[in-house]
């Protein structure tokens, strides 16, 4: 979670280790158990009026059924 007044991020949930694969659940169905895989070189946008964080692409790990690191081309919103 980002705090505008302190200009700092706070750890809310998810893994705190590197190289974690994602859990994506069922397409179109939200779940608190879903989270993206670890990645770097991604793009993020904090949309304040919608109270939403968007994460797009990067290089990293997507799902446990796919081994190795690769280019990730997906859009996640939180």
Protein backbone atom coordinates (compact mmCIF):
# COMPACT_ATOMS: atom_id res chain seq x y z
CA UNK A 1 0.00 0.00 0.00
CA UNK A 2 1.34 3.44 -0.90
CA UNK A 3 1.08 6.33 1.58
CA UNK A 4 1.13 9.64 -0.27
CA UNK A 5 1.92 11.78 2.78
CA UNK A 6 4.97 9.70 3.80
CA UNK A 7 5.92 8.82 0.19
CA UNK A 8 6.46 5.20 1.25
CA UNK A 9 5.17 1.71 0.40
CA UNK A 10 3.89 -0.68 3.07
CA UNK A 11 4.01 -4.47 2.65
CA UNK A 12 0.41 -5.71 2.68
CA UNK A 13 0.41 -9.32 1.49
CA UNK A 14 1.99 -11.83 -0.85
CA UNK A 15 5.34 -13.53 -0.84
CA UNK A 16 8.43 -11.75 0.44
CA UNK A 17 10.85 -14.02 -1.42
CA UNK A 18 12.34 -13.72 -4.91
CA UNK A 19 11.48 -15.81 -7.97
CA UNK A 20 7.96 -16.75 -6.85
CA UNK A 21 5.50 -18.21 -9.37
CA UNK A 22 2.04 -16.67 -9.59
CA UNK A 23 -1.33 -18.06 -8.60
CA UNK A 24 -3.98 -16.87 -11.08
CA UNK A 25 -7.06 -18.92 -10.23
CA UNK A 26 -10.01 -18.91 -12.62
CA UNK A 27 -10.12 -16.25 -15.35
CA UNK A 28 -12.73 -13.59 -14.59
CA UNK A 29 -13.21 -14.62 -10.95
CA UNK A 30 -11.51 -12.55 -8.23
CA UNK A 31 -9.96 -14.28 -5.24
CA UNK A 32 -7.83 -13.19 -2.29
CA UNK A 33 -5.70 -16.28 -3.02
CA UNK A 34 -4.56 -14.97 -6.44
CA UNK A 35 -1.30 -13.05 -6.87
CA UNK A 36 1.12 -12.38 -9.74
CA UNK A 37 4.47 -14.09 -10.04
CA UNK A 38 7.68 -12.25 -9.14
CA UNK A 39 8.98 -10.00 -11.92
CA UNK A 40 11.26 -7.12 -12.76
CA UNK A 41 11.40 -4.50 -15.54
CA UNK A 42 7.60 -4.17 -15.34
CA UNK A 43 5.45 -1.06 -15.56
CA UNK A 44 3.15 0.10 -12.79
CA UNK A 45 0.49 2.78 -12.55
CA UNK A 46 -1.24 3.91 -9.38
CA UNK A 47 -4.71 5.14 -10.32
CA UNK A 48 -5.67 7.19 -7.28
CA UNK A 49 -9.24 8.06 -8.27
CA UNK A 50 -10.03 4.36 -8.82
CA UNK A 51 -7.99 3.27 -5.76
CA UNK A 52 -6.24 0.73 -7.96
CA UNK A 53 -2.69 -0.34 -8.83
CA UNK A 54 -2.00 -1.70 -12.31
CA UNK A 55 1.06 -3.87 -13.07
CA UNK A 56 1.95 -4.69 -16.67
CA UNK A 57 4.46 -7.12 -18.15
CA UNK A 58 8.13 -7.47 -17.29
CA UNK A 59 10.42 -10.47 -17.03
CA UNK A 60 9.73 -13.08 -14.41
CA UNK A 61 7.67 -16.07 -13.40
CA UNK A 62 4.02 -16.48 -14.33
CA UNK A 63 2.53 -19.79 -13.15
CA UNK A 64 3.79 -23.00 -11.58
CA UNK A 65 2.95 -24.98 -14.73
CA UNK A 66 5.54 -22.99 -16.68
CA UNK A 67 9.19 -23.42 -15.71
CA UNK A 68 11.85 -20.77 -16.03
CA UNK A 69 11.86 -17.02 -16.40
CA UNK A 70 10.40 -15.36 -19.46
CA UNK A 71 8.77 -12.16 -20.72
CA UNK A 72 5.42 -11.67 -18.99
CA UNK A 73 2.72 -9.94 -21.04
CA UNK A 74 -0.28 -9.51 -18.78
CA UNK A 75 -2.09 -6.74 -16.92
CA UNK A 76 -2.89 -7.16 -13.24
CA UNK A 77 -4.98 -4.80 -11.12
CA UNK A 78 -5.10 -4.59 -7.33
